[in-house]
Amino acid sequence: MRVDLIETPEAFEQLEQSWNRVQEADPDAGYFLSWKWLAVVFRANRGRWRVLAARPEDEPLNYVAFLPLWLDVRWSQSQVEFATKLEAAGRLSWAQYTGFVCMPDSEEEALVALAAALRTLPWSHARLTNWLVSDRRRALFLSTFPADEYEVSIEDRVRAEGEIDNRVCPFVPLPDSYEEYLSTRVSANTRQKIRRFSRRVEQSADLQLTPTSPDHFEEHLDALLELWLRKWAPVRGQGSAERAARKYRQILGHSMECDAVFMPMLWSAGSLLGGLVHIVDRRKGAVHFIVAGRDEAASEPSIGLVLHAYSIRWAIDNKMRLYDLCHGNEPYKYSLGAIDKRIEHLTIRRRSRVGGGRLDPMNVADGLETIVKFLAAGRVDDAVSACRQLATLSRRPTELCPSSEAEPNRTSTTVLA
């Protein structure tokens, strides 16, 4: 196996055919690991990501596995230096799930090769959140990180009673018909509620439940997030809630570019009672519920239940196989017939400076922006130390990939034979 570094949107575009072929064969690689979605994310974040692409040595176009990464720079006050922190690239746009894209019959060689290549790169720690990988894939990948050089940990804290566990991701397997869903996936009480309130919406002159058209996407999303902010700003704090709302706009905007958003809205005489936003993975047959907003003062009952039932019916009618309720084990999700899957938050910490140091040359621009902030804040000593580090790094531009003879501004480089 050889592993190539893919570092520019132009180089990533050349992977489209092979990426789609591998993703189609990989049962674990869904929408947030699709070429189409990542291409939009990468174009919006040039210079902040890298893809490790594994292939057989004598087959330059036959890629069999990919690991997309986000290169984030952090200032270490204890070490008085910049360090690169690796994260899953999808988290640049709040991906619900991350992991590998890998041909199932190439796992053993390809994942070990990706890990070995990763070890040659400069970084202080890798934080792979929302990782959805099998036990086998995790074990293969981690087998190349010796304990004397790397500390590996998986978040496993015990939740307080009643606390929502966002590592649990409930989902509803979808049958062939909506009537089969109602008769086999939900309780008699829930089934009765869904039918009664859905009938009320259908027969009301004032109530209207419809999907949002692309022409009204931004307008309707703003209205939905306004309802969301009313509920969550007092709980999370205004600043935190507004940052979350901006992230929702970002991820959903990227998905709208991919024609992958389904957003049903419930109106009463022109006023928004509530809405849901989903991301639709037509290739894998999955609908991912992302965010909801509802008018907490509305007297209409079961707004959320009606909206989810409408969405599940739409998903079944459109031949989807899975209705994914994403992060959090809130009780209402199980009333819809959900079962659980789990994600992991994996951290790999480097104990030494093996692999050419702790700062990746791709993070130099981020480092310079941080130096400007240091100077504006009067942190002159930190700015001087940071400048010295960047100057030292600039004198050894090829150290990132010791086996490579390519120039530092390459679009792709082989890093492991």
Protein backbone atom coordinates (compact mmCIF):
# COMPACT_ATOMS: atom_id res chain seq x y z
CA MET A 1 0.00 0.00 0.00
CA ARG A 2 0.96 3.60 -0.62
CA VAL A 3 -0.74 6.63 0.91
CA ASP A 4 -1.13 9.93 -0.95
CA LEU A 5 -1.77 13.30 0.64
CA ILE A 6 -4.61 15.23 -1.00
CA GLU A 7 -4.45 18.88 -0.01
CA THR A 8 -6.32 21.06 -2.54
CA PRO A 9 -9.88 21.19 -3.89
CA GLU A 10 -8.46 20.56 -7.36
CA ALA A 11 -6.75 17.35 -6.24
CA PHE A 12 -9.85 16.29 -4.32
CA GLU A 13 -12.00 16.75 -7.44
CA GLN A 14 -9.86 14.15 -9.20
CA LEU A 15 -10.89 11.59 -6.57
CA GLU A 16 -14.62 11.81 -7.29
CA GLN A 17 -14.98 8.62 -9.30
CA SER A 18 -12.83 6.42 -7.06
CA TRP A 19 -14.28 7.97 -3.87
CA ASN A 20 -17.85 7.27 -5.00
CA ARG A 21 -16.89 3.70 -5.90
CA VAL A 22 -15.38 3.04 -2.47
CA GLN A 23 -18.18 4.79 -0.57
CA GLU A 24 -20.81 2.78 -2.44
CA ALA A 25 -19.15 -0.44 -1.27
CA ASP A 26 -18.63 0.74 2.33
CA PRO A 27 -21.70 0.15 4.53
CA ASP A 28 -20.29 2.45 7.25
CA ALA A 29 -19.67 5.51 5.03
CA GLY A 30 -22.79 7.64 4.82
CA TYR A 31 -23.68 11.16 3.70
CA PHE A 32 -21.14 12.99 5.88
CA LEU A 33 -18.34 10.97 4.28
CA SER A 34 -19.61 11.41 0.73
CA TRP A 35 -17.44 13.05 -1.90
CA LYS A 36 -20.22 15.47 -2.88
CA TRP A 37 -20.70 16.88 0.61
CA LEU A 38 -17.01 17.00 1.53
CA ALA A 39 -16.22 18.80 -1.75
CA VAL A 40 -18.51 21.67 -0.67
CA VAL A 41 -16.96 21.72 2.82
CA PHE A 42 -13.41 21.67 1.46
CA ARG A 43 -14.03 24.50 -1.01
CA ALA A 44 -15.26 26.63 1.90
CA ASN A 45 -12.20 25.78 4.06
CA ARG A 46 -9.20 25.80 1.74
CA GLY A 47 -5.89 25.12 3.49
CA ARG A 48 -7.51 23.65 6.62
CA TRP A 49 -7.89 20.00 5.63
CA ARG A 50 -6.07 17.03 4.20
CA VAL A 51 -7.13 13.60 2.94
CA LEU A 52 -4.99 10.49 3.36
CA ALA A 53 -5.74 8.21 0.39
CA ALA A 54 -4.53 4.59 0.33
CA ARG A 55 -3.95 2.58 -2.85
CA PRO A 56 -2.01 -0.47 -4.03
CA GLU A 57 1.55 0.52 -4.92
CA ASP A 58 1.29 -0.25 -8.64
CA GLU A 59 -2.21 1.14 -9.17
CA PRO A 60 -2.10 4.96 -8.97
CA LEU A 61 -5.84 5.48 -9.62
CA ASN A 62 -7.22 2.52 -7.68
CA TYR A 63 -7.77 4.02 -4.23
CA VAL A 64 -9.26 1.69 -1.65
CA ALA A 65 -9.47 3.84 1.51
CA PHE A 66 -9.62 7.48 2.60
CA LEU A 67 -9.21 9.34 5.89
CA PRO A 68 -10.33 13.02 5.69
CA LEU A 69 -8.77 15.26 8.36
CA TRP A 70 -9.13 18.84 9.61
CA LEU A 71 -5.85 20.52 10.62
CA ASP A 72 -6.53 22.95 13.45
CA VAL A 73 -3.78 24.99 15.12
CA ARG A 74 -3.62 25.51 18.88
CA TRP A 75 -1.29 27.61 21.05
CA SER A 76 0.22 25.68 23.92
CA GLN A 77 0.89 28.05 26.80
CA SER A 78 2.84 25.39 28.68
CA GLN A 79 5.10 24.60 25.70
CA VAL A 80 5.04 28.22 24.40
CA GLU A 81 4.48 27.06 20.83
CA PHE A 82 1.91 26.25 18.20
CA ALA A 83 0.78 22.66 17.73
CA THR A 84 -1.46 21.06 15.13
CA LYS A 85 -4.56 19.33 16.40
CA LEU A 86 -6.13 16.83 14.02
CA GLU A 87 -9.88 16.37 13.84
CA ALA A 88 -12.21 14.60 11.45
CA ALA A 89 -12.59 16.85 8.39
CA GLY A 90 -16.36 16.64 8.43
CA ARG A 91 -16.40 18.55 11.71
CA LEU A 92 -15.47 21.67 9.72
CA SER A 93 -19.19 21.69 9.01
CA TRP A 94 -20.59 19.84 12.04
CA ALA A 95 -20.77 16.36 10.50
CA GLN A 96 -23.02 14.07 12.53
CA TYR A 97 -20.80 11.06 11.81
CA THR A 98 -17.14 10.64 10.88
CA GLY A 99 -14.79 7.77 10.14
CA PHE A 100 -13.13 6.07 7.18
CA VAL A 101 -14.22 5.42 3.62
CA CYS A 102 -12.84 1.96 2.91
CA MET A 103 -13.39 -1.05 0.66
CA PRO A 104 -14.46 -3.83 3.04
CA ASP A 105 -12.07 -6.34 1.50
CA SER A 106 -9.10 -3.95 1.87
CA GLU A 107 -9.53 -3.02 5.54
CA GLU A 108 -6.61 -4.97 6.95
CA GLU A 109 -3.93 -3.45 4.72
CA ALA A 110 -5.47 -0.04 4.03
CA LEU A 111 -6.33 1.05 7.58
CA VAL A 112 -2.90 0.02 8.87
CA ALA A 113 -1.32 1.98 6.02
CA LEU A 114 -3.40 5.08 6.81
CA ALA A 115 -2.38 4.91 10.46
CA ALA A 116 1.29 4.45 9.59
CA ALA A 117 1.14 7.47 7.27
CA LEU A 118 -0.56 9.53 9.95
CA ARG A 119 2.30 8.80 12.32
CA THR A 120 4.78 10.48 9.93
CA LEU A 121 2.90 13.80 10.03
CA PRO A 122 3.42 16.57 12.61
CA TRP A 123 0.66 16.95 15.20
CA SER A 124 0.26 16.96 18.96
CA HIS A 125 -3.00 15.06 19.25
CA ALA A 126 -5.86 13.77 17.13
CA ARG A 127 -9.42 14.20 18.40
CA LEU A 128 -11.75 12.07 16.27
CA THR A 129 -15.26 12.96 17.42
CA ASN A 130 -18.50 11.38 16.23
CA TRP A 131 -16.52 8.37 15.05
CA LEU A 132 -18.79 5.65 13.69
CA VAL A 133 -16.52 2.67 13.05
CA SER A 134 -16.66 -1.04 13.73
CA ASP A 135 -14.60 -2.64 16.49
CA ARG A 136 -12.52 -4.36 13.81
CA ARG A 137 -11.70 -1.12 11.99
CA ARG A 138 -10.81 0.66 15.20
CA ALA A 139 -8.50 -2.17 16.27
CA LEU A 140 -6.74 -2.30 12.90
CA PHE A 141 -6.19 1.45 12.83
CA LEU A 142 -4.95 1.71 16.41
CA SER A 143 -2.65 -1.32 16.15
CA THR A 144 0.16 0.82 14.71
CA PHE A 145 0.26 3.36 17.57
CA PRO A 146 2.71 1.96 20.16
CA ALA A 147 1.83 2.72 23.77
CA ASP A 148 5.27 4.13 24.56
CA GLU A 149 4.81 6.83 21.90
CA TYR A 150 1.04 7.44 21.90
CA GLU A 151 -1.71 7.63 24.49
CA VAL A 152 -5.05 6.42 23.12
CA SER A 153 -8.32 7.04 24.96
CA ILE A 154 -12.02 6.76 24.20
CA GLU A 155 -14.47 8.99 26.06
CA ASP A 156 -16.50 6.78 28.37
CA ARG A 157 -17.74 8.99 31.17
CA VAL A 158 -20.74 7.91 33.16
CA ARG A 159 -23.77 10.13 32.61
CA ALA A 160 -25.82 11.41 35.51
CA GLU A 161 -29.30 9.94 35.83
CA GLY A 162 -31.59 11.56 33.31
CA GLU A 163 -28.74 13.29 31.45
CA ILE A 164 -28.91 13.05 27.68
CA ASP A 165 -26.12 10.90 26.19
CA ASN A 166 -25.15 12.37 22.82
CA ARG A 167 -23.01 9.35 22.00
CA VAL A 168 -26.24 7.40 21.53
CA CYS A 169 -27.82 7.93 18.10
CA PRO A 170 -31.30 6.40 17.84
CA PHE A 171 -32.63 5.48 14.40
CA VAL A 172 -35.78 3.95 12.95
CA PRO A 173 -35.44 1.12 10.40
CA LEU A 174 -38.07 1.84 7.77
CA PRO A 175 -40.40 -0.82 6.34
CA ASP A 176 -41.88 -0.83 2.84
CA SER A 177 -45.06 1.04 3.74
CA TYR A 178 -46.20 3.73 6.15
CA GLU A 179 -49.06 1.55 7.40
CA GLU A 180 -46.57 -1.19 8.20
CA TYR A 181 -44.50 1.35 10.13
CA LEU A 182 -47.52 2.41 12.20
CA SER A 183 -48.57 -1.16 12.93
CA THR A 184 -45.11 -2.58 13.77
CA ARG A 185 -42.82 0.23 15.04
CA VAL A 186 -44.93 2.31 17.44
CA SER A 187 -47.28 1.62 20.35
CA ALA A 188 -51.03 1.61 20.00
CA ASN A 189 -51.24 4.87 21.95
CA THR A 190 -48.66 6.63 19.73
CA ARG A 191 -50.31 5.23 16.60
CA GLN A 192 -53.65 6.65 17.72
CA LYS A 193 -52.11 10.08 18.42
CA ILE A 194 -50.36 10.20 15.05
CA ARG A 195 -53.54 9.32 13.16
CA ARG A 196 -55.74 11.70 15.16
CA PHE A 197 -53.51 14.76 14.92
CA SER A 198 -52.47 14.09 11.32
CA ARG A 199 -56.16 13.92 10.39
CA ARG A 200 -56.74 17.20 12.24
CA VAL A 201 -54.04 18.90 10.16
CA GLU A 202 -55.42 17.47 6.91
CA GLN A 203 -58.98 18.61 7.68
CA SER A 204 -58.19 22.06 9.10
CA ALA A 205 -58.68 25.15 6.98
CA ASP A 206 -56.00 27.03 8.96
CA LEU A 207 -53.31 24.38 9.41
CA GLN A 208 -50.89 23.60 6.60
CA LEU A 209 -48.04 21.04 6.66
CA THR A 210 -45.78 21.22 3.61
CA PRO A 211 -42.12 20.76 2.70
CA THR A 212 -40.06 23.87 2.05
CA SER A 213 -39.10 24.62 -1.54
CA PRO A 214 -35.51 25.70 -2.40
CA ASP A 215 -36.79 29.22 -3.15
CA HIS A 216 -37.92 29.64 0.47
CA PHE A 217 -35.11 27.70 2.16
CA GLU A 218 -33.28 30.62 3.79
CA GLU A 219 -36.46 32.43 4.81
CA HIS A 220 -38.00 29.33 6.40
CA LEU A 221 -34.74 28.26 8.04
CA ASP A 222 -34.44 31.70 9.65
CA ALA A 223 -37.98 31.41 11.01
CA LEU A 224 -37.34 27.91 12.37
CA LEU A 225 -34.05 28.89 14.03
CA GLU A 226 -35.74 31.90 15.60
CA LEU A 227 -38.10 29.49 17.37
CA TRP A 228 -35.14 27.30 18.29
CA LEU A 229 -33.29 30.28 19.79
CA ARG A 230 -36.30 31.31 21.87
CA LYS A 231 -36.24 27.92 23.55
CA TRP A 232 -32.52 27.31 23.90
CA ALA A 233 -30.95 30.76 24.44
CA PRO A 234 -32.20 30.91 28.09
CA VAL A 235 -30.83 27.40 28.68
CA ARG A 236 -27.51 27.51 26.82
CA GLY A 237 -26.81 31.25 27.05
CA GLN A 238 -27.41 33.73 24.24
CA GLY A 239 -23.87 33.60 22.84
CA SER A 240 -23.65 29.81 22.80
CA ALA A 241 -27.10 29.44 21.24
CA GLU A 242 -26.33 31.97 18.52
CA ARG A 243 -23.06 30.18 17.66
CA ALA A 244 -24.98 26.91 17.38
CA ALA A 245 -27.56 28.57 15.12
CA ARG A 246 -24.76 29.81 12.85
CA LYS A 247 -23.36 26.27 12.65
CA TYR A 248 -26.79 24.93 11.73
CA ARG A 249 -27.01 27.50 8.94
CA GLN A 250 -23.55 26.46 7.75
CA ILE A 251 -24.11 22.70 7.65
CA LEU A 252 -27.57 23.05 6.14
CA GLY A 253 -26.36 25.57 3.60
CA HIS A 254 -23.66 23.12 2.49
CA SER A 255 -26.27 20.39 2.22
CA MET A 256 -28.64 22.63 0.29
CA GLU A 257 -25.86 23.04 -2.29
CA CYS A 258 -25.97 19.24 -2.60
CA ASP A 259 -29.79 19.25 -2.98
CA ALA A 260 -29.96 17.17 0.19
CA VAL A 261 -32.31 19.08 2.52
CA PHE A 262 -35.89 18.09 3.44
CA MET A 263 -37.63 20.67 5.66
CA PRO A 264 -41.33 20.19 6.53
CA MET A 265 -43.04 23.17 8.18
CA LEU A 266 -46.37 23.37 10.04
CA TRP A 267 -48.20 26.69 9.67
CA SER A 268 -51.36 28.10 11.23
CA ALA A 269 -52.91 30.99 9.33
CA GLY A 270 -49.46 32.01 8.09
CA SER A 271 -47.69 31.72 11.45
CA LEU A 272 -45.04 29.05 11.95
CA LEU A 273 -45.98 26.49 14.61
CA GLY A 274 -42.96 24.28 14.07
CA GLY A 275 -40.61 22.66 11.62
CA LEU A 276 -37.93 20.03 11.20
CA VAL A 277 -34.81 20.07 9.06
CA HIS A 278 -33.34 16.87 7.67
CA ILE A 279 -30.39 15.94 5.50
CA VAL A 280 -31.26 13.30 2.90
CA ASP A 281 -28.72 10.70 1.82
CA ARG A 282 -30.27 9.33 -1.35
CA ARG A 283 -27.25 7.17 -2.13
CA LYS A 284 -27.49 5.28 1.16
CA GLY A 285 -31.27 5.62 1.65
CA ALA A 286 -31.10 7.55 4.94
CA VAL A 287 -32.83 10.67 6.30
CA HIS A 288 -30.91 12.45 9.09
CA PHE A 289 -32.92 14.68 11.44
CA ILE A 290 -30.77 17.73 12.28
CA VAL A 291 -32.76 20.42 14.11
CA ALA A 292 -36.31 21.33 15.13
CA GLY A 293 -38.05 24.52 16.10
CA ARG A 294 -41.54 24.99 17.51
CA ASP A 295 -43.67 27.73 18.96
CA GLU A 296 -43.73 26.84 22.67
CA ALA A 297 -46.74 29.10 23.20
CA ALA A 298 -48.88 27.36 20.58
CA SER A 299 -51.96 25.55 21.84
CA GLU A 300 -51.84 22.90 19.11
CA PRO A 301 -50.85 19.54 20.66
CA SER A 302 -48.23 17.07 19.44
CA ILE A 303 -46.60 19.41 16.89
CA GLY A 304 -43.33 17.51 17.00
CA LEU A 305 -45.00 14.11 16.73
CA VAL A 306 -47.00 15.16 13.67
CA LEU A 307 -43.92 16.60 11.99
CA HIS A 308 -41.83 13.47 12.59
CA ALA A 309 -44.67 11.20 11.42
CA TYR A 310 -45.00 13.30 8.24
CA SER A 311 -41.24 13.06 7.70
CA ILE A 312 -41.18 9.30 8.24
CA ARG A 313 -44.03 8.89 5.76
CA TRP A 314 -42.14 11.03 3.23
CA ALA A 315 -39.00 8.93 3.78
CA ILE A 316 -40.87 5.66 3.21
CA ASP A 317 -42.64 7.02 0.12
CA ASN A 318 -39.21 8.02 -1.26
CA LYS A 319 -37.76 4.52 -0.70
CA MET A 320 -35.54 5.48 2.23
CA ARG A 321 -34.42 2.66 4.52
CA LEU A 322 -33.51 4.55 7.67
CA TYR A 323 -34.83 7.55 9.63
CA ASP A 324 -31.91 8.73 11.73
CA LEU A 325 -32.65 10.83 14.82
CA CYS A 326 -28.94 11.50 15.31
CA HIS A 327 -27.37 12.48 18.64
CA GLY A 328 -29.11 12.13 21.99
CA ASN A 329 -31.24 9.48 23.69
CA GLU A 330 -34.27 11.70 24.38
CA PRO A 331 -37.31 9.56 25.29
CA TYR A 332 -39.53 10.86 22.46
CA LYS A 333 -37.25 9.22 19.89
CA TYR A 334 -38.10 5.77 21.18
CA SER A 335 -41.83 6.50 20.95
CA LEU A 336 -41.18 6.72 17.19
CA GLY A 337 -39.80 3.18 17.18
CA ALA A 338 -36.10 4.01 17.33
CA ILE A 339 -33.28 1.65 18.27
CA ASP A 340 -29.73 2.65 19.22
CA LYS A 341 -26.36 2.88 17.61
CA ARG A 342 -23.35 4.44 19.32
CA ILE A 343 -20.56 6.72 18.24
CA GLU A 344 -17.17 7.26 19.88
CA HIS A 345 -14.96 10.22 20.70
CA LEU A 346 -11.41 8.95 20.23
CA THR A 347 -8.25 10.84 21.24
CA ILE A 348 -4.68 9.95 20.28
CA ARG A 349 -2.00 11.98 22.05
CA ARG A 350 1.61 12.01 20.93
CA ARG A 351 4.01 11.53 23.83
CA SER A 352 7.05 12.83 21.94
CA ARG A 353 7.91 14.91 18.88
CA VAL A 354 8.30 11.98 16.50
CA GLY A 355 7.13 12.62 12.97
CA GLY A 356 8.75 15.99 12.38
CA GLY A 357 7.48 18.09 15.25
CA ARG A 358 4.04 19.22 16.38
CA LEU A 359 3.09 21.97 13.88
CA ASP A 360 2.06 21.14 10.33
CA PRO A 361 3.27 23.64 7.67
CA MET A 362 -0.32 23.87 6.43
CA ASN A 363 -1.15 25.73 9.65
CA VAL A 364 1.31 28.59 9.10
CA ALA A 365 -1.42 30.99 7.89
CA ASP A 366 -3.51 30.19 10.99
CA GLY A 367 -0.43 30.78 13.11
CA LEU A 368 0.15 34.20 11.56
CA GLU A 369 -3.45 35.18 12.25
CA THR A 370 -2.96 34.16 15.88
CA ILE A 371 0.20 36.27 16.13
CA VAL A 372 -1.79 39.31 15.01
CA LYS A 373 -4.25 38.59 17.84
CA PHE A 374 -1.36 38.24 20.30
CA LEU A 375 -0.03 41.67 19.31
CA ALA A 376 -3.48 43.26 19.52
CA ALA A 377 -3.81 41.84 23.03
CA GLY A 378 -0.35 43.01 24.11
CA ARG A 379 1.05 39.47 24.34
CA VAL A 380 4.39 40.45 22.85
CA ASP A 381 6.43 37.60 24.36
CA ASP A 382 4.04 35.01 22.94
CA ALA A 383 4.12 36.74 19.55
CA VAL A 384 7.93 36.67 19.51
CA SER A 385 8.03 32.98 20.45
CA ALA A 386 5.45 32.18 17.79
CA CYS A 387 7.38 34.08 15.11
CA ARG A 388 10.56 32.18 15.98
CA GLN A 389 8.71 28.87 15.67
CA LEU A 390 7.27 29.76 12.25
CA ALA A 391 10.68 30.96 11.07
CA THR A 392 12.27 27.67 12.11
CA LEU A 393 9.51 25.72 10.39
CA SER A 394 9.98 27.62 7.14
CA ARG A 395 13.60 26.49 6.97
CA ARG A 396 12.63 22.80 6.81
CA PRO A 397 9.68 22.70 4.39
CA THR A 398 10.10 19.09 3.30
CA GLU A 399 10.15 17.62 6.79
CA LEU A 400 6.41 17.00 6.64
CA CYS A 401 6.95 14.02 4.35
CA PRO A 402 10.47 12.64 4.76
CA SER A 403 10.07 10.20 1.84
CA SER A 404 8.86 12.88 -0.57
CA GLU A 405 10.86 14.93 -3.09
CA ALA A 406 7.86 17.11 -3.94
CA GLU A 407 7.73 20.85 -3.44
CA PRO A 408 5.92 22.23 -0.37
CA ASN A 409 3.02 23.56 -2.47
CA ARG A 410 2.24 20.16 -3.97
CA THR A 411 -1.38 19.06 -4.45
CA SER A 412 -0.64 15.44 -3.53
CA THR A 413 2.36 13.48 -2.31
CA THR A 414 3.05 9.87 -1.57
CA VAL A 415 4.08 9.53 2.08
CA LEU A 416 4.26 5.81 2.71
CA ALA A 417 5.50 2.83 0.74
